[in-house]
C-alpha atoms as a PDB file:
ATOM      1  CA  MET A   1     -44.054 -52.078-195.147  1.00  0.00           C
ATOM      2  CA  THR A   2     -43.911 -55.524-193.387  1.00  0.00           C
ATOM      3  CA  ILE A   3     -46.938 -56.289-191.215  1.00  0.00           C
ATOM      4  CA  LYS A   4     -44.728 -55.735-187.958  1.00  0.00           C
ATOM      5  CA  GLU A   5     -43.532 -52.499-189.251  1.00  0.00           C
ATOM      6  CA  PHE A   6     -47.276 -51.362-189.987  1.00  0.00           C
ATOM      7  CA  LEU A   7     -48.687 -52.596-186.388  1.00  0.00           C
ATOM      8  CA  ASN A   8     -45.193 -50.784-184.709  1.00  0.00           C
ATOM      9  CA  GLN A   9     -46.620 -47.627-186.631  1.00  0.00           C
ATOM     10  CA  ALA A  10     -50.099 -47.697-185.819  1.00  0.00           C
ATOM     11  CA  PHE A  11     -49.026 -48.756-181.819  1.00  0.00           C
ATOM     12  CA  GLN A  12     -46.383 -44.924-182.412  1.00  0.00           C
ATOM     13  CA  LEU A  13     -50.471 -43.506-183.820  1.00  0.00           C
ATOM     14  CA  ASP A  14     -52.059 -44.706-180.861  1.00  0.00           C
ATOM     15  CA  GLN A  15     -49.277 -43.609-178.444  1.00  0.00           C
ATOM     16  CA  LEU A  16     -48.958 -40.368-180.282  1.00  0.00           C
ATOM     17  CA  ILE A  17     -53.198 -39.561-179.556  1.00  0.00           C
ATOM     18  CA  GLU A  18     -53.126 -40.230-176.569  1.00  0.00           C
ATOM     19  CA  ALA A  19     -50.459 -38.116-175.359  1.00  0.00           C
ATOM     20  CA  ASN A  20     -52.399 -35.385-177.262  1.00  0.00           C
ATOM     21  CA  LYS A  21     -55.888 -36.347-175.894  1.00  0.00           C
ATOM     22  CA  CYS A  22     -54.101 -36.226-172.198  1.00  0.00           C
ATOM     23  CA  GLU A  23     -52.286 -32.650-173.573  1.00  0.00           C
ATOM     24  CA  LEU A  24     -56.063 -31.652-174.306  1.00  0.00           C
ATOM     25  CA  GLU A  25     -57.609 -32.344-170.745  1.00  0.00           C
ATOM     26  CA  ARG A  26     -54.450 -30.160-168.839  1.00  0.00           C
ATOM     27  CA  LEU A  27     -55.775 -27.387-170.520  1.00  0.00           C
ATOM     28  CA  ARG A  28     -59.143 -28.102-170.819  1.00  0.00           C
ATOM     29  CA  LEU A  29     -58.314 -27.713-166.649  1.00  0.00           C
ATOM     30  CA  LEU A  30     -56.288 -24.853-166.594  1.00  0.00           C
ATOM     31  CA  ALA A  31     -58.692 -23.231-168.605  1.00  0.00           C
ATOM     32  CA  GLU A  32     -61.656 -23.477-166.251  1.00  0.00           C
ATOM     33  CA  SER A  33     -59.076 -22.450-163.626  1.00  0.00           C
ATOM     34  CA  VAL A  34     -59.242 -18.979-164.946  1.00  0.00           C
ATOM     35  CA  PRO A  35     -60.957 -16.627-162.939  1.00  0.00           C
ATOM     36  CA  ILE A  36     -63.519 -14.454-164.720  1.00  0.00           C
ATOM     37  CA  PRO A  37     -63.838 -10.641-163.012  1.00  0.00           C
ATOM     38  CA  ASP A  38     -67.153 -10.264-161.791  1.00  0.00           C
ATOM     39  CA  TRP A  39     -68.296  -7.042-163.524  1.00  0.00           C
ATOM     40  CA  THR A  40     -71.496  -6.427-161.019  1.00  0.00           C
ATOM     41  CA  LYS A  41     -69.254  -4.863-158.129  1.00  0.00           C
ATOM     42  CA  GLU A  42     -68.175  -0.781-157.970  1.00  0.00           C
ATOM     43  CA  ARG A  43     -65.437   0.065-159.292  1.00  0.00           C
ATOM     44  CA  VAL A  44     -62.866   2.724-157.075  1.00  0.00           C
ATOM     45  CA  GLN A  45     -61.556   5.692-159.189  1.00  0.00           C
ATOM     46  CA  GLY A  46     -58.913   6.841-156.872  1.00  0.00           C
ATOM     47  CA  GLY A  47     -58.717   9.408-154.205  1.00  0.00           C
ATOM     48  CA  GLU A  48     -58.257  13.425-154.127  1.00  0.00           C
ATOM     49  CA  ARG A  49     -56.753  14.727-157.305  1.00  0.00           C
ATOM     50  CA  SER A  50     -54.003  17.197-156.242  1.00  0.00           C
ATOM     51  CA  ASP A  51     -52.966  19.677-159.123  1.00  0.00           C
END
């Protein structure tokens, strides 16, 4: 492997790492935007049964 090939491989790996870091940040922001249900509120079960 020549020096040029080695540096090119290192450059490609660096680009892959940066792309993965961007994807990780995007997924982290997406996970933080998911609403959490409020379980302290009363639940409505429905109306009268009509059998």
